[in-house]
Amino acid sequence: MIDRELIDAISQLLDVKLTNELGPIKYEIKSIKEEVRGIRDEVREIKAEVKAGREDIKNLYQTLDAVEKRLKKVELTQENDIKQSIHQLFDGQRATLEKFQSVNEINDRVKDIQGAVDVLKVLTVKKI
């Protein structure tokens, strides 16, 4: 029985010693688990933010593509409208220049006629 009592006593001492040694280790493990849980939560939040950021970037690229396409259409439309307007202005300017040329020719004729009339006046006044 002594052996049995000795074994039981040694067993109890080992249990107490193990419990005393394992207590802080269990506390540390619990603390580490809590930290890991917090880190996991933060990682989930970061992943969600990254995913949202990627979606935002994707939407921005789509918007940018749409804006670039629209800009090209606007540029083409403006080019065509401006070309047409320039041609109209050029045609109008040409017509105006032709009218001025015609007015200048008429003015030259009037001056010639005026000169002839002045000569006729002088001649007719001298005859009278």
N, C-alpha and C. Protein backbone atom coordinates (compact mmCIF):
# COMPACT_ATOMS: atom_id res chain seq x y z
N MET A 1 0.79 -1.19 0.00
CA MET A 1 0.00 0.00 0.00
C MET A 1 0.84 1.27 0.00
N ILE A 2 1.96 1.15 0.58
CA ILE A 2 2.83 2.29 0.63
C ILE A 2 3.22 2.68 -0.79
N ASP A 3 3.44 1.69 -1.55
CA ASP A 3 3.78 1.99 -2.93
C ASP A 3 2.62 2.70 -3.63
N ARG A 4 1.46 2.21 -3.30
CA ARG A 4 0.27 2.79 -3.92
C ARG A 4 0.08 4.22 -3.43
N GLU A 5 0.25 4.44 -2.15
CA GLU A 5 0.10 5.77 -1.57
C GLU A 5 1.19 6.70 -2.11
N LEU A 6 2.37 6.16 -2.26
CA LEU A 6 3.47 6.94 -2.79
C LEU A 6 3.21 7.33 -4.24
N ILE A 7 2.71 6.38 -4.98
CA ILE A 7 2.38 6.65 -6.37
C ILE A 7 1.27 7.69 -6.45
N ASP A 8 0.24 7.57 -5.59
CA ASP A 8 -0.86 8.54 -5.58
C ASP A 8 -0.35 9.93 -5.18
N ALA A 9 0.54 9.97 -4.21
CA ALA A 9 1.08 11.25 -3.76
C ALA A 9 1.92 11.89 -4.87
N ILE A 10 2.74 11.07 -5.51
CA ILE A 10 3.56 11.58 -6.62
C ILE A 10 2.65 12.06 -7.74
N SER A 11 1.61 11.30 -7.99
CA SER A 11 0.65 11.66 -9.04
C SER A 11 -0.01 12.99 -8.73
N GLN A 12 -0.40 13.16 -7.45
CA GLN A 12 -1.04 14.42 -7.06
C GLN A 12 -0.05 15.58 -7.19
N LEU A 13 1.17 15.37 -6.78
CA LEU A 13 2.18 16.41 -6.89
C LEU A 13 2.43 16.78 -8.36
N LEU A 14 2.49 15.77 -9.18
CA LEU A 14 2.68 16.03 -10.61
C LEU A 14 1.48 16.78 -11.18
N ASP A 15 0.26 16.37 -10.77
CA ASP A 15 -0.95 17.06 -11.24
C ASP A 15 -0.93 18.52 -10.82
N VAL A 16 -0.57 18.77 -9.56
CA VAL A 16 -0.53 20.14 -9.06
C VAL A 16 0.54 20.93 -9.82
N LYS A 17 1.70 20.30 -9.98
CA LYS A 17 2.78 20.98 -10.68
C LYS A 17 2.39 21.26 -12.13
N LEU A 18 1.79 20.27 -12.79
CA LEU A 18 1.34 20.45 -14.17
C LEU A 18 0.28 21.53 -14.25
N THR A 19 -0.66 21.51 -13.30
CA THR A 19 -1.72 22.52 -13.29
C THR A 19 -1.10 23.90 -13.11
N ASN A 20 -0.16 24.00 -12.19
CA ASN A 20 0.49 25.29 -11.95
C ASN A 20 1.28 25.75 -13.18
N GLU A 21 1.90 24.82 -13.86
CA GLU A 21 2.68 25.15 -15.05
C GLU A 21 1.78 25.44 -16.24
N LEU A 22 0.71 24.65 -16.36
CA LEU A 22 -0.18 24.79 -17.52
C LEU A 22 -1.10 26.00 -17.41
N GLY A 23 -1.39 26.45 -16.22
CA GLY A 23 -2.28 27.60 -16.04
C GLY A 23 -1.83 28.81 -16.83
N PRO A 24 -0.60 29.27 -16.62
CA PRO A 24 -0.13 30.43 -17.39
C PRO A 24 -0.07 30.15 -18.89
N ILE A 25 0.28 28.90 -19.24
CA ILE A 25 0.34 28.55 -20.66
C ILE A 25 -1.06 28.64 -21.26
N LYS A 26 -2.06 28.11 -20.54
CA LYS A 26 -3.44 28.19 -21.03
C LYS A 26 -3.87 29.65 -21.17
N TYR A 27 -3.48 30.48 -20.20
CA TYR A 27 -3.83 31.90 -20.27
C TYR A 27 -3.17 32.55 -21.49
N GLU A 28 -1.91 32.22 -21.72
CA GLU A 28 -1.20 32.76 -22.89
C GLU A 28 -1.87 32.31 -24.18
N ILE A 29 -2.24 31.03 -24.24
CA ILE A 29 -2.90 30.50 -25.44
C ILE A 29 -4.22 31.22 -25.65
N LYS A 30 -4.98 31.42 -24.57
CA LYS A 30 -6.25 32.14 -24.67
C LYS A 30 -6.01 33.57 -25.17
N SER A 31 -4.99 34.22 -24.64
CA SER A 31 -4.66 35.58 -25.05
C SER A 31 -4.25 35.62 -26.53
N ILE A 32 -3.45 34.64 -26.93
CA ILE A 32 -3.02 34.56 -28.34
C ILE A 32 -4.22 34.33 -29.24
N LYS A 33 -5.13 33.45 -28.82
CA LYS A 33 -6.33 33.19 -29.62
C LYS A 33 -7.16 34.46 -29.79
N GLU A 34 -7.27 35.25 -28.72
CA GLU A 34 -8.02 36.50 -28.82
C GLU A 34 -7.34 37.47 -29.78
N GLU A 35 -6.02 37.54 -29.71
CA GLU A 35 -5.28 38.41 -30.63
C GLU A 35 -5.46 37.95 -32.07
N VAL A 36 -5.37 36.63 -32.28
CA VAL A 36 -5.55 36.08 -33.63
C VAL A 36 -6.96 36.37 -34.12
N ARG A 37 -7.96 36.24 -33.26
CA ARG A 37 -9.34 36.55 -33.63
C ARG A 37 -9.46 38.01 -34.06
N GLY A 38 -8.82 38.90 -33.29
CA GLY A 38 -8.83 40.32 -33.65
C GLY A 38 -8.14 40.58 -34.98
N ILE A 39 -7.01 39.90 -35.18
CA ILE A 39 -6.29 40.05 -36.45
C ILE A 39 -7.13 39.55 -37.60
N ARG A 40 -7.79 38.41 -37.40
CA ARG A 40 -8.66 37.88 -38.46
C ARG A 40 -9.78 38.86 -38.80
N ASP A 41 -10.36 39.46 -37.76
CA ASP A 41 -11.42 40.45 -38.01
C ASP A 41 -10.87 41.63 -38.82
N GLU A 42 -9.68 42.10 -38.45
CA GLU A 42 -9.07 43.21 -39.18
C GLU A 42 -8.75 42.81 -40.61
N VAL A 43 -8.27 41.58 -40.80
CA VAL A 43 -7.96 41.10 -42.15
C VAL A 43 -9.24 41.04 -42.98
N ARG A 44 -10.34 40.58 -42.37
CA ARG A 44 -11.63 40.55 -43.09
C ARG A 44 -12.04 41.96 -43.51
N GLU A 45 -11.88 42.91 -42.59
CA GLU A 45 -12.23 44.30 -42.91
C GLU A 45 -11.35 44.82 -44.04
N ILE A 46 -10.06 44.53 -43.97
CA ILE A 46 -9.14 44.99 -45.02
C ILE A 46 -9.50 44.36 -46.35
N LYS A 47 -9.81 43.05 -46.34
CA LYS A 47 -10.21 42.38 -47.58
C LYS A 47 -11.47 43.01 -48.15
N ALA A 48 -12.43 43.34 -47.27
CA ALA A 48 -13.67 43.98 -47.74
C ALA A 48 -13.36 45.35 -48.35
N GLU A 49 -12.47 46.10 -47.70
CA GLU A 49 -12.10 47.41 -48.23
C GLU A 49 -11.38 47.28 -49.56
N VAL A 50 -10.48 46.30 -49.67
CA VAL A 50 -9.76 46.09 -50.92
C VAL A 50 -10.73 45.70 -52.03
N LYS A 51 -11.68 44.83 -51.69
CA LYS A 51 -12.68 44.41 -52.68
C LYS A 51 -13.50 45.62 -53.14
N ALA A 52 -13.92 46.45 -52.17
CA ALA A 52 -14.69 47.65 -52.51
C ALA A 52 -13.84 48.60 -53.36
N GLY A 53 -12.56 48.72 -53.00
CA GLY A 53 -11.66 49.57 -53.77
C GLY A 53 -11.50 49.07 -55.20
N ARG A 54 -11.39 47.76 -55.35
CA ARG A 54 -11.28 47.19 -56.70
C ARG A 54 -12.54 47.45 -57.50
N GLU A 55 -13.69 47.32 -56.86
CA GLU A 55 -14.96 47.61 -57.54
C GLU A 55 -15.01 49.07 -57.96
N ASP A 56 -14.57 49.95 -57.06
CA ASP A 56 -14.55 51.38 -57.39
C ASP A 56 -13.63 51.65 -58.58
N ILE A 57 -12.46 51.02 -58.57
CA ILE A 57 -11.51 51.21 -59.68
C ILE A 57 -12.11 50.67 -60.96
N LYS A 58 -12.75 49.51 -60.88
CA LYS A 58 -13.39 48.92 -62.07
C LYS A 58 -14.46 49.88 -62.61
N ASN A 59 -15.27 50.42 -61.70
CA ASN A 59 -16.30 51.38 -62.13
C ASN A 59 -15.68 52.64 -62.73
N LEU A 60 -14.57 53.09 -62.14
CA LEU A 60 -13.90 54.27 -62.69
C LEU A 60 -13.36 54.00 -64.09
N TYR A 61 -12.78 52.81 -64.29
CA TYR A 61 -12.30 52.46 -65.63
C TYR A 61 -13.45 52.42 -66.63
N GLN A 62 -14.59 51.85 -66.21
CA GLN A 62 -15.74 51.80 -67.11
C GLN A 62 -16.23 53.21 -67.43
N THR A 63 -16.29 54.05 -66.41
CA THR A 63 -16.72 55.43 -66.61
C THR A 63 -15.73 56.16 -67.52
N LEU A 64 -14.45 55.95 -67.28
CA LEU A 64 -13.42 56.58 -68.10
C LEU A 64 -13.53 56.13 -69.55
N ASP A 65 -13.75 54.84 -69.77
CA ASP A 65 -13.92 54.34 -71.14
C ASP A 65 -15.12 55.00 -71.80
N ALA A 66 -16.23 55.10 -71.06
CA ALA A 66 -17.44 55.73 -71.62
C ALA A 66 -17.18 57.20 -71.94
N VAL A 67 -16.47 57.88 -71.05
CA VAL A 67 -16.17 59.31 -71.27
C VAL A 67 -15.25 59.47 -72.49
N GLU A 68 -14.25 58.59 -72.62
CA GLU A 68 -13.35 58.67 -73.78
C GLU A 68 -14.11 58.44 -75.08
N LYS A 69 -15.02 57.46 -75.10
CA LYS A 69 -15.81 57.21 -76.30
C LYS A 69 -16.68 58.42 -76.63
N ARG A 70 -17.31 58.96 -75.59
CA ARG A 70 -18.16 60.13 -75.81
C ARG A 70 -17.34 61.33 -76.30
N LEU A 71 -16.16 61.50 -75.72
CA LEU A 71 -15.29 62.59 -76.13
C LEU A 71 -14.90 62.46 -77.60
N LYS A 72 -14.59 61.24 -78.04
CA LYS A 72 -14.25 61.03 -79.44
C LYS A 72 -15.43 61.39 -80.34
N LYS A 73 -16.65 61.00 -79.91
CA LYS A 73 -17.83 61.33 -80.70
C LYS A 73 -18.01 62.85 -80.78
N VAL A 74 -17.84 63.51 -79.64
CA VAL A 74 -17.99 64.97 -79.60
C VAL A 74 -16.94 65.63 -80.49
N GLU A 75 -15.70 65.14 -80.41
CA GLU A 75 -14.64 65.71 -81.25
C GLU A 75 -14.95 65.54 -82.73
N LEU A 76 -15.42 64.35 -83.11
CA LEU A 76 -15.77 64.12 -84.52
C LEU A 76 -16.91 65.02 -84.95
N THR A 77 -17.92 65.13 -84.09
CA THR A 77 -19.06 65.99 -84.41
C THR A 77 -18.61 67.44 -84.55
N GLN A 78 -17.78 67.89 -83.62
CA GLN A 78 -17.29 69.26 -83.70
C GLN A 78 -16.45 69.47 -84.95
N GLU A 79 -15.60 68.50 -85.27
CA GLU A 79 -14.80 68.63 -86.49
C GLU A 79 -15.69 68.78 -87.71
N ASN A 80 -16.70 67.92 -87.80
CA ASN A 80 -17.59 67.98 -88.97
C ASN A 80 -18.37 69.29 -88.98
N ASP A 81 -18.88 69.71 -87.83
CA ASP A 81 -19.62 70.97 -87.76
C ASP A 81 -18.71 72.16 -88.08
N ILE A 82 -17.51 72.14 -87.53
CA ILE A 82 -16.58 73.25 -87.77
C ILE A 82 -16.16 73.28 -89.23
N LYS A 83 -15.90 72.11 -89.82
CA LYS A 83 -15.56 72.08 -91.25
C LYS A 83 -16.67 72.70 -92.07
N GLN A 84 -17.90 72.31 -91.76
CA GLN A 84 -19.04 72.84 -92.51
C GLN A 84 -19.14 74.35 -92.29
N SER A 85 -18.97 74.79 -91.06
CA SER A 85 -19.05 76.23 -90.77
C SER A 85 -17.93 76.98 -91.48
N ILE A 86 -16.74 76.41 -91.49
CA ILE A 86 -15.62 77.07 -92.18
C ILE A 86 -15.90 77.17 -93.67
N HIS A 87 -16.44 76.10 -94.26
CA HIS A 87 -16.78 76.15 -95.68
C HIS A 87 -17.85 77.22 -95.95
N GLN A 88 -18.84 77.31 -95.06
CA GLN A 88 -19.88 78.32 -95.23
C GLN A 88 -19.28 79.72 -95.11
N LEU A 89 -18.41 79.91 -94.11
CA LEU A 89 -17.76 81.22 -93.96
C LEU A 89 -16.92 81.55 -95.19
N PHE A 90 -16.18 80.58 -95.69
CA PHE A 90 -15.35 80.79 -96.86
C PHE A 90 -16.21 81.16 -98.07
N ASP A 91 -17.32 80.42 -98.26
CA ASP A 91 -18.22 80.73 -99.38
C ASP A 91 -18.82 82.12 -99.22
N GLY A 92 -19.22 82.47 -98.00
CA GLY A 92 -19.77 83.80 -97.74
C GLY A 92 -18.74 84.88 -97.97
N GLN A 93 -17.51 84.64 -97.55
CA GLN A 93 -16.44 85.61 -97.76
C GLN A 93 -16.17 85.79 -99.25
N ARG A 94 -16.16 84.69 -99.99
CA ARG A 94 -15.93 84.76 -101.43
C ARG A 94 -17.04 85.57 -102.09
N ALA A 95 -18.30 85.32 -101.69
CA ALA A 95 -19.42 86.06 -102.27
C ALA A 95 -19.30 87.55 -101.95
N THR A 96 -18.90 87.86 -100.72
CA THR A 96 -18.73 89.26 -100.32
C THR A 96 -17.62 89.92 -101.14
N LEU A 97 -16.52 89.21 -101.32
CA LEU A 97 -15.42 89.76 -102.12
C LEU A 97 -15.86 89.98 -103.57
N GLU A 98 -16.63 89.06 -104.12
CA GLU A 98 -17.12 89.22 -105.49
C GLU A 98 -18.04 90.44 -105.59
N LYS A 99 -18.87 90.66 -104.58
CA LYS A 99 -19.76 91.83 -104.59
C LYS A 99 -18.94 93.12 -104.51
N PHE A 100 -17.92 93.12 -103.64
CA PHE A 100 -17.06 94.30 -103.56
C PHE A 100 -16.36 94.55 -104.89
N GLN A 101 -15.92 93.50 -105.54
CA GLN A 101 -15.27 93.63 -106.85
C GLN A 101 -16.25 94.25 -107.84
N SER A 102 -17.49 93.77 -107.80
CA SER A 102 -18.52 94.30 -108.71
C SER A 102 -18.79 95.77 -108.41
N VAL A 103 -18.86 96.11 -107.12
CA VAL A 103 -19.09 97.51 -106.74
C VAL A 103 -17.91 98.37 -107.19
N ASN A 104 -16.71 97.88 -107.06
CA ASN A 104 -15.53 98.63 -107.52
C ASN A 104 -15.58 98.85 -109.03
N GLU A 105 -15.98 97.82 -109.77
CA GLU A 105 -16.09 97.97 -111.23
C GLU A 105 -17.15 99.01 -111.59
N ILE A 106 -18.29 98.96 -110.89
CA ILE A 106 -19.35 99.95 -111.14
C ILE A 106 -18.84 101.34 -110.79
N ASN A 107 -18.13 101.46 -109.70
CA ASN A 107 -17.58 102.74 -109.28
C ASN A 107 -16.61 103.28 -110.34
N ASP A 108 -15.77 102.39 -110.88
CA ASP A 108 -14.85 102.82 -111.95
C ASP A 108 -15.63 103.31 -113.17
N ARG A 109 -16.69 102.61 -113.54
CA ARG A 109 -17.52 103.02 -114.69
C ARG A 109 -18.17 104.37 -114.43
N VAL A 110 -18.68 104.53 -113.19
CA VAL A 110 -19.32 105.81 -112.85
C VAL A 110 -18.31 106.94 -112.97
N LYS A 111 -17.08 106.71 -112.51
CA LYS A 111 -16.05 107.74 -112.62
C LYS A 111 -15.76 108.05 -114.09
N ASP A 112 -15.70 106.99 -114.90
CA ASP A 112 -15.47 107.21 -116.34
C ASP A 112 -16.62 108.02 -116.94
N ILE A 113 -17.83 107.64 -116.60
CA ILE A 113 -19.02 108.36 -117.12
C ILE A 113 -19.00 109.80 -116.61
N GLN A 114 -18.67 109.98 -115.35
CA GLN A 114 -18.61 111.33 -114.78
C GLN A 114 -17.58 112.17 -115.53
N GLY A 115 -16.45 111.55 -115.83
CA GLY A 115 -15.42 112.27 -116.60
C GLY A 115 -15.94 112.65 -117.98
N ALA A 116 -16.63 111.73 -118.63
CA ALA A 116 -17.18 112.00 -119.96
C ALA A 116 -18.23 113.10 -119.87
N VAL A 117 -19.06 113.08 -118.85
CA VAL A 117 -20.09 114.11 -118.67
C VAL A 117 -19.42 115.46 -118.46
N ASP A 118 -18.39 115.49 -117.66
CA ASP A 118 -17.69 116.76 -117.42
C ASP A 118 -17.11 117.30 -118.73
N VAL A 119 -16.55 116.40 -119.55
CA VAL A 119 -16.00 116.83 -120.85
C VAL A 119 -17.12 117.37 -121.72
N LEU A 120 -18.26 116.67 -121.77
CA LEU A 120 -19.40 117.11 -122.57
C LEU A 120 -19.91 118.46 -122.08
N LYS A 121 -19.93 118.66 -120.79
CA LYS A 121 -20.39 119.95 -120.24
C LYS A 121 -19.48 121.07 -120.72
N VAL A 122 -18.21 120.81 -120.65
CA VAL A 122 -17.25 121.83 -121.07
C VAL A 122 -17.43 122.12 -122.56
N LEU A 123 -17.60 121.09 -123.35
CA LEU A 123 -17.77 121.27 -124.79
C LEU A 123 -19.08 121.99 -125.12
N THR A 124 -20.13 121.62 -124.45
CA THR A 124 -21.42 122.24 -124.74
C THR A 124 -21.46 123.66 -124.22
N VAL A 125 -20.80 123.98 -123.17
CA VAL A 125 -20.78 125.33 -122.64
C VAL A 125 -19.97 126.22 -123.58
N LYS A 126 -18.93 125.73 -124.16
CA LYS A 126 -18.10 126.52 -125.06
C LYS A 126 -18.85 126.78 -126.35
N LYS A 127 -19.71 125.89 -126.80
CA LYS A 127 -20.45 126.07 -128.04
C LYS A 127 -21.57 127.08 -127.85
N ILE A 128 -22.06 127.20 -126.74
CA ILE A 128 -23.17 128.10 -126.53
C ILE A 128 -22.65 129.47 -126.40
